[in-house]
PDB file of N, CA and C in Angstrom:
ATOM      1  N   MET A   1     106.907 137.040  90.337  1.00  0.00           N
ATOM      2  CA  MET A   1     107.767 137.535  91.441  1.00  0.00           C
ATOM      3  C   MET A   1     109.076 137.119  91.169  1.00  0.00           C
ATOM      4  N   TRP A   2     110.051 138.046  91.423  1.00  0.00           N
ATOM      5  CA  TRP A   2     111.514 137.748  91.347  1.00  0.00           C
ATOM      6  C   TRP A   2     112.131 137.155  92.470  1.00  0.00           C
ATOM      7  N   LEU A   3     113.073 136.055  92.207  1.00  0.00           N
ATOM      8  CA  LEU A   3     113.622 135.454  93.362  1.00  0.00           C
ATOM      9  C   LEU A   3     115.243 135.527  93.138  1.00  0.00           C
ATOM     10  N   LYS A   4     115.919 135.422  94.302  1.00  0.00           N
ATOM     11  CA  LYS A   4     117.342 135.128  94.087  1.00  0.00           C
ATOM     12  C   LYS A   4     117.472 133.881  94.923  1.00  0.00           C
ATOM     13  N   ILE A   5     118.207 133.026  94.249  1.00  0.00           N
ATOM     14  CA  ILE A   5     118.546 131.630  94.886  1.00  0.00           C
ATOM     15  C   ILE A   5     120.000 131.580  94.962  1.00  0.00           C
ATOM     16  N   PHE A   6     120.439 131.081  96.226  1.00  0.00           N
ATOM     17  CA  PHE A   6     121.891 130.852  96.377  1.00  0.00           C
ATOM     18  C   PHE A   6     122.123 129.460  96.582  1.00  0.00           C
ATOM     19  N   PHE A   7     123.020 128.906  95.760  1.00  0.00           N
ATOM     20  CA  PHE A   7     123.507 127.465  95.660  1.00  0.00           C
ATOM     21  C   PHE A   7     124.982 127.343  96.061  1.00  0.00           C
ATOM     22  N   ASP A   8     125.473 126.383  96.798  1.00  0.00           N
ATOM     23  CA  ASP A   8     126.771 125.975  96.613  1.00  0.00           C
ATOM     24  C   ASP A   8     127.362 125.336  95.648  1.00  0.00           C
ATOM     25  N   GLU A   9     128.672 125.250  95.204  1.00  0.00           N
ATOM     26  CA  GLU A   9     129.148 124.858  94.204  1.00  0.00           C
ATOM     27  C   GLU A   9     128.525 123.475  93.689  1.00  0.00           C
ATOM     28  N   GLU A  10     128.575 122.441  94.693  1.00  0.00           N
ATOM     29  CA  GLU A  10     128.077 121.193  94.285  1.00  0.00           C
ATOM     30  C   GLU A  10     126.680 121.037  93.845  1.00  0.00           C
ATOM     31  N   SER A  11     125.783 121.951  94.323  1.00  0.00           N
ATOM     32  CA  SER A  11     124.448 122.123  94.137  1.00  0.00           C
ATOM     33  C   SER A  11     124.229 122.560  92.703  1.00  0.00           C
ATOM     34  N   PHE A  12     124.971 123.820  92.585  1.00  0.00           N
ATOM     35  CA  PHE A  12     124.794 124.524  91.141  1.00  0.00           C
ATOM     36  C   PHE A  12     125.241 123.665  90.002  1.00  0.00           C
ATOM     37  N   ASN A  13     126.387 122.844  90.278  1.00  0.00           N
ATOM     38  CA  ASN A  13     127.017 122.018  89.104  1.00  0.00           C
ATOM     39  C   ASN A  13     126.025 120.891  88.813  1.00  0.00           C
ATOM     40  N   CYS A  14     125.445 120.427  89.842  1.00  0.00           N
ATOM     41  CA  CYS A  14     124.574 119.393  89.654  1.00  0.00           C
ATOM     42  C   CYS A  14     123.359 119.788  88.664  1.00  0.00           C
ATOM     43  N   LEU A  15     122.783 121.091  88.908  1.00  0.00           N
ATOM     44  CA  LEU A  15     121.805 121.599  88.158  1.00  0.00           C
ATOM     45  C   LEU A  15     122.351 122.009  86.855  1.00  0.00           C
ATOM     46  N   VAL A  16     123.386 122.369  86.736  1.00  0.00           N
ATOM     47  CA  VAL A  16     123.896 122.558  85.147  1.00  0.00           C
ATOM     48  C   VAL A  16     124.047 121.203  84.548  1.00  0.00           C
ATOM     49  N   LYS A  17     124.384 120.275  85.044  1.00  0.00           N
ATOM     50  CA  LYS A  17     124.358 118.975  84.468  1.00  0.00           C
ATOM     51  C   LYS A  17     123.030 118.334  84.266  1.00  0.00           C
ATOM     52  N   THR A  18     122.326 118.669  84.923  1.00  0.00           N
ATOM     53  CA  THR A  18     120.767 118.013  85.022  1.00  0.00           C
ATOM     54  C   THR A  18     119.797 118.855  84.132  1.00  0.00           C
ATOM     55  N   ILE A  19     119.964 120.163  84.022  1.00  0.00           N
ATOM     56  CA  ILE A  19     118.850 120.883  83.379  1.00  0.00           C
ATOM     57  C   ILE A  19     119.252 121.086  81.923  1.00  0.00           C
ATOM     58  N   PRO A  20     118.323 120.621  81.079  1.00  0.00           N
ATOM     59  CA  PRO A  20     118.507 120.558  79.599  1.00  0.00           C
ATOM     60  C   PRO A  20     118.767 122.089  79.037  1.00  0.00           C
ATOM     61  N   VAL A  21     119.529 122.205  77.969  1.00  0.00           N
ATOM     62  CA  VAL A  21     119.832 123.598  77.370  1.00  0.00           C
ATOM     63  C   VAL A  21     118.607 124.277  77.022  1.00  0.00           C
ATOM     64  N   GLU A  22     117.532 123.472  76.406  1.00  0.00           N
ATOM     65  CA  GLU A  22     116.399 124.095  75.957  1.00  0.00           C
ATOM     66  C   GLU A  22     115.220 124.447  77.059  1.00  0.00           C
ATOM     67  N   SER A  23     115.606 124.185  78.240  1.00  0.00           N
ATOM     68  CA  SER A  23     114.785 124.436  79.341  1.00  0.00           C
ATOM     69  C   SER A  23     114.848 126.084  79.517  1.00  0.00           C
ATOM     70  N   MET A  24     113.403 126.528  79.988  1.00  0.00           N
ATOM     71  CA  MET A  24     113.393 127.859  80.214  1.00  0.00           C
ATOM     72  C   MET A  24     113.981 128.555  81.381  1.00  0.00           C
ATOM     73  N   CYS A  25     114.428 127.659  82.303  1.00  0.00           N
ATOM     74  CA  CYS A  25     115.268 128.106  83.380  1.00  0.00           C
ATOM     75  C   CYS A  25     116.709 128.108  83.244  1.00  0.00           C
ATOM     76  N   ARG A  26     117.284 127.496  81.965  1.00  0.00           N
ATOM     77  CA  ARG A  26     118.469 127.483  81.725  1.00  0.00           C
ATOM     78  C   ARG A  26     119.135 128.820  81.655  1.00  0.00           C
ATOM     79  N   THR A  27     118.587 129.747  81.158  1.00  0.00           N
ATOM     80  CA  THR A  27     119.164 131.251  81.130  1.00  0.00           C
ATOM     81  C   THR A  27     119.637 131.622  82.380  1.00  0.00           C
ATOM     82  N   ALA A  28     118.660 131.295  83.439  1.00  0.00           N
ATOM     83  CA  ALA A  28     119.033 131.753  84.792  1.00  0.00           C
ATOM     84  C   ALA A  28     120.242 131.204  85.322  1.00  0.00           C
ATOM     85  N   LEU A  29     120.443 129.849  85.021  1.00  0.00           N
ATOM     86  CA  LEU A  29     121.799 129.173  85.348  1.00  0.00           C
ATOM     87  C   LEU A  29     123.055 129.927  84.505  1.00  0.00           C
ATOM     88  N   ASP A  30     122.779 130.065  83.306  1.00  0.00           N
ATOM     89  CA  ASP A  30     124.038 130.570  82.511  1.00  0.00           C
ATOM     90  C   ASP A  30     124.139 132.055  83.067  1.00  0.00           C
ATOM     91  N   ASP A  31     123.517 132.725  83.595  1.00  0.00           N
ATOM     92  CA  ASP A  31     123.598 134.156  84.096  1.00  0.00           C
ATOM     93  C   ASP A  31     124.093 134.049  85.568  1.00  0.00           C
ATOM     94  N   ALA A  32     124.302 133.047  86.205  1.00  0.00           N
ATOM     95  CA  ALA A  32     124.535 133.119  87.610  1.00  0.00           C
ATOM     96  C   ALA A  32     125.748 133.910  87.798  1.00  0.00           C
ATOM     97  N   VAL A  33     125.750 134.492  88.935  1.00  0.00           N
ATOM     98  CA  VAL A  33     126.986 135.192  89.587  1.00  0.00           C
ATOM     99  C   VAL A  33     127.421 134.413  90.606  1.00  0.00           C
ATOM    100  N   ARG A  34     128.893 134.528  90.577  1.00  0.00           N
ATOM    101  CA  ARG A  34     129.725 133.839  91.605  1.00  0.00           C
ATOM    102  C   ARG A  34     130.010 134.747  92.690  1.00  0.00           C
ATOM    103  N   LEU A  35     129.909 134.202  93.886  1.00  0.00           N
ATOM    104  CA  LEU A  35     130.225 134.976  95.175  1.00  0.00           C
ATOM    105  C   LEU A  35     131.118 134.041  95.922  1.00  0.00           C
ATOM    106  N   GLY A  36     132.285 134.031  95.732  1.00  0.00           N
ATOM    107  CA  GLY A  36     133.240 133.098  96.409  1.00  0.00           C
ATOM    108  C   GLY A  36     132.909 131.791  95.922  1.00  0.00           C
ATOM    109  N   THR A  37     132.522 130.944  96.868  1.00  0.00           N
ATOM    110  CA  THR A  37     131.950 129.513  96.569  1.00  0.00           C
ATOM    111  C   THR A  37     130.630 129.358  96.307  1.00  0.00           C
ATOM    112  N   THR A  38     129.861 130.381  96.333  1.00  0.00           N
ATOM    113  CA  THR A  38     128.398 130.540  96.185  1.00  0.00           C
ATOM    114  C   THR A  38     128.014 131.163  94.803  1.00  0.00           C
ATOM    115  N   ARG A  39     127.048 130.377  94.132  1.00  0.00           N
ATOM    116  CA  ARG A  39     126.585 130.898  93.085  1.00  0.00           C
ATOM    117  C   ARG A  39     125.104 131.577  93.374  1.00  0.00           C
ATOM    118  N   VAL A  40     124.766 132.581  92.614  1.00  0.00           N
ATOM    119  CA  VAL A  40     123.405 133.266  92.919  1.00  0.00           C
ATOM    120  C   VAL A  40     122.799 133.291  91.528  1.00  0.00           C
ATOM    121  N   ILE A  41     121.396 132.851  91.528  1.00  0.00           N
ATOM    122  CA  ILE A  41     120.724 133.031  90.317  1.00  0.00           C
ATOM    123  C   ILE A  41     119.593 133.961  90.501  1.00  0.00           C
ATOM    124  N   GLY A  42     119.305 134.607  89.619  1.00  0.00           N
ATOM    125  CA  GLY A  42     117.850 135.314  89.640  1.00  0.00           C
ATOM    126  C   GLY A  42     117.000 134.891  88.685  1.00  0.00           C
ATOM    127  N   CYS A  43     115.680 134.548  89.027  1.00  0.00           N
ATOM    128  CA  CYS A  43     114.626 134.030  88.161  1.00  0.00           C
ATOM    129  C   CYS A  43     113.304 134.301  88.803  1.00  0.00           C
ATOM    130  N   ASN A  44     112.317 134.077  87.831  1.00  0.00           N
ATOM    131  CA  ASN A  44     111.002 134.254  88.375  1.00  0.00           C
ATOM    132  C   ASN A  44     110.496 133.140  89.058  1.00  0.00           C
ATOM    133  N   ASP A  45     109.277 133.198  89.539  1.00  0.00           N
ATOM    134  CA  ASP A  45     108.747 132.051  90.349  1.00  0.00           C
ATOM    135  C   ASP A  45     108.364 130.967  89.440  1.00  0.00           C
ATOM    136  N   VAL A  46     108.031 131.216  88.149  1.00  0.00           N
ATOM    137  CA  VAL A  46     107.730 130.086  87.254  1.00  0.00           C
ATOM    138  C   VAL A  46     109.016 129.317  86.873  1.00  0.00           C
ATOM    139  N   GLU A  47     110.161 130.210  86.726  1.00  0.00           N
ATOM    140  CA  GLU A  47     111.412 129.525  86.445  1.00  0.00           C
ATOM    141  C   GLU A  47     111.948 128.595  87.617  1.00  0.00           C
ATOM    142  N   ALA A  48     111.643 129.068  88.805  1.00  0.00           N
ATOM    143  CA  ALA A  48     112.045 128.408  89.884  1.00  0.00           C
ATOM    144  C   ALA A  48     111.297 127.217  90.138  1.00  0.00           C
ATOM    145  N   ARG A  49     110.034 127.109  89.852  1.00  0.00           N
ATOM    146  CA  ARG A  49     109.190 125.762  89.914  1.00  0.00           C
ATOM    147  C   ARG A  49     109.863 124.961  88.699  1.00  0.00           C
ATOM    148  N   GLU A  50     110.112 125.507  87.751  1.00  0.00           N
ATOM    149  CA  GLU A  50     110.692 124.694  86.554  1.00  0.00           C
ATOM    150  C   GLU A  50     112.011 123.982  87.158  1.00  0.00           C
ATOM    151  N   LEU A  51     112.954 124.834  87.727  1.00  0.00           N
ATOM    152  CA  LEU A  51     114.024 124.138  88.367  1.00  0.00           C
ATOM    153  C   LEU A  51     113.682 122.955  89.079  1.00  0.00           C
ATOM    154  N   LEU A  52     112.737 123.145  90.083  1.00  0.00           N
ATOM    155  CA  LEU A  52     112.128 121.915  90.793  1.00  0.00           C
ATOM    156  C   LEU A  52     111.814 120.822  90.096  1.00  0.00           C
ATOM    157  N   PHE A  53     110.988 121.131  89.088  1.00  0.00           N
ATOM    158  CA  PHE A  53     110.437 120.019  88.100  1.00  0.00           C
ATOM    159  C   PHE A  53     111.717 119.442  87.593  1.00  0.00           C
ATOM    160  N   GLN A  54     112.535 120.018  86.945  1.00  0.00           N
ATOM    161  CA  GLN A  54     113.588 119.510  86.028  1.00  0.00           C
ATOM    162  C   GLN A  54     114.676 118.720  86.910  1.00  0.00           C
ATOM    163  N   ALA A  55     115.009 119.105  88.060  1.00  0.00           N
ATOM    164  CA  ALA A  55     115.886 118.543  88.807  1.00  0.00           C
ATOM    165  C   ALA A  55     115.424 117.308  89.732  1.00  0.00           C
ATOM    166  N   GLN A  56     114.081 117.410  90.118  1.00  0.00           N
ATOM    167  CA  GLN A  56     113.419 116.418  90.942  1.00  0.00           C
ATOM    168  C   GLN A  56     114.445 115.703  91.936  1.00  0.00           C
ATOM    169  N   SER A  57     114.578 114.548  91.933  1.00  0.00           N
ATOM    170  CA  SER A  57     115.326 113.766  92.871  1.00  0.00           C
ATOM    171  C   SER A  57     116.884 113.738  92.502  1.00  0.00           C
ATOM    172  N   LEU A  58     117.295 114.408  91.466  1.00  0.00           N
ATOM    173  CA  LEU A  58     118.744 114.249  90.966  1.00  0.00           C
ATOM    174  C   LEU A  58     119.759 115.202  91.725  1.00  0.00           C
ATOM    175  N   CYS A  59     119.096 116.422  92.381  1.00  0.00           N
ATOM    176  CA  CYS A  59     119.918 117.250  92.906  1.00  0.00           C
ATOM    177  C   CYS A  59     119.184 117.675  94.164  1.00  0.00           C
ATOM    178  N   PRO A  60     119.245 116.877  95.227  1.00  0.00           N
ATOM    179  CA  PRO A  60     118.482 117.004  96.511  1.00  0.00           C
ATOM    180  C   PRO A  60     118.716 118.453  97.065  1.00  0.00           C
ATOM    181  N   ASN A  61     120.044 118.654  97.216  1.00  0.00           N
ATOM    182  CA  ASN A  61     120.452 119.997  97.902  1.00  0.00           C
ATOM    183  C   ASN A  61     120.043 121.313  97.044  1.00  0.00           C
ATOM    184  N   ALA A  62     120.013 121.151  95.687  1.00  0.00           N
ATOM    185  CA  ALA A  62     119.581 122.178  95.011  1.00  0.00           C
ATOM    186  C   ALA A  62     117.954 122.475  95.095  1.00  0.00           C
ATOM    187  N   ILE A  63     117.249 121.260  95.128  1.00  0.00           N
ATOM    188  CA  ILE A  63     115.953 121.431  95.501  1.00  0.00           C
ATOM    189  C   ILE A  63     115.449 121.782  96.672  1.00  0.00           C
ATOM    190  N   SER A  64     116.115 121.745  97.718  1.00  0.00           N
ATOM    191  CA  SER A  64     115.848 122.264  98.948  1.00  0.00           C
ATOM    192  C   SER A  64     116.274 123.920  98.854  1.00  0.00           C
ATOM    193  N   ARG A  65     117.313 124.313  98.195  1.00  0.00           N
ATOM    194  CA  ARG A  65     117.513 125.675  98.113  1.00  0.00           C
ATOM    195  C   ARG A  65     116.490 126.367  97.348  1.00  0.00           C
ATOM    196  N   VAL A  66     115.961 125.898  96.311  1.00  0.00           N
ATOM    197  CA  VAL A  66     114.908 126.419  95.580  1.00  0.00           C
ATOM    198  C   VAL A  66     113.533 126.506  96.249  1.00  0.00           C
ATOM    199  N   ALA A  67     113.292 125.392  96.872  1.00  0.00           N
ATOM    200  CA  ALA A  67     112.182 125.363  97.562  1.00  0.00           C
ATOM    201  C   ALA A  67     112.103 126.308  98.807  1.00  0.00           C
ATOM    202  N   GLU A  68     113.302 126.323  99.426  1.00  0.00           N
ATOM    203  CA  GLU A  68     113.411 127.492 100.415  1.00  0.00           C
ATOM    204  C   GLU A  68     113.109 128.883  99.974  1.00  0.00           C
ATOM    205  N   ALA A  69     113.812 129.172  98.671  1.00  0.00           N
ATOM    206  CA  ALA A  69     113.601 130.633  98.138  1.00  0.00           C
ATOM    207  C   ALA A  69     112.073 130.756  97.911  1.00  0.00           C
ATOM    208  N   ILE A  70     111.486 129.738  97.354  1.00  0.00           N
ATOM    209  CA  ILE A  70     110.010 130.058  96.949  1.00  0.00           C
ATOM    210  C   ILE A  70     109.269 130.156  98.332  1.00  0.00           C
ATOM    211  N   ARG A  71     109.451 129.440  99.417  1.00  0.00           N
ATOM    212  CA  ARG A  71     108.542 129.691 100.378  1.00  0.00           C
ATOM    213  C   ARG A  71     109.001 130.902 101.045  1.00  0.00           C
ATOM    214  N   ALA A  72     110.229 131.577 101.171  1.00  0.00           N
ATOM    215  CA  ALA A  72     110.535 132.687 101.657  1.00  0.00           C
ATOM    216  C   ALA A  72     109.794 133.904 101.008  1.00  0.00           C
ATOM    217  N   ALA A  73     109.495 133.664  99.732  1.00  0.00           N
ATOM    218  CA  ALA A  73     108.849 134.702  98.920  1.00  0.00           C
ATOM    219  C   ALA A  73     107.258 134.657  99.277  1.00  0.00           C
ATOM    220  N   GLY A  74     106.840 133.686 100.066  1.00  0.00           N
ATOM    221  CA  GLY A  74     105.714 133.571 100.527  1.00  0.00           C
ATOM    222  C   GLY A  74     104.747 132.849  99.528  1.00  0.00           C
ATOM    223  N   LEU A  75     105.478 132.003  98.601  1.00  0.00           N
ATOM    224  CA  LEU A  75     104.855 131.220  97.604  1.00  0.00           C
ATOM    225  C   LEU A  75     104.803 129.679  97.924  1.00  0.00           C
ATOM    226  N   THR A  76     104.028 128.858  97.380  1.00  0.00           N
ATOM    227  CA  THR A  76     103.953 127.510  97.604  1.00  0.00           C
ATOM    228  C   THR A  76     104.759 126.850  96.401  1.00  0.00           C
ATOM    229  N   PRO A  77     105.798 125.916  96.718  1.00  0.00           N
ATOM    230  CA  PRO A  77     106.601 125.349  95.749  1.00  0.00           C
ATOM    231  C   PRO A  77     105.719 124.208  95.111  1.00  0.00           C
TER     232      PRO A  77
END
């Protein structure tokens, strides 16, 4: 399932610093679209879960955004 996840600048920057370059979800971060002060990424549910796993407690605001997008799609984080 395809998800769009919206991040504020602080959350997005935290993810960029935290997620390793070799991670499968890194491509989604690299392809993010800027809408004002918001960054939007498109990814599948597996990549979204990988974001949750990789960021864990290091980026709490980003984690809540990812979990919210997963729940909104009717999936379990």
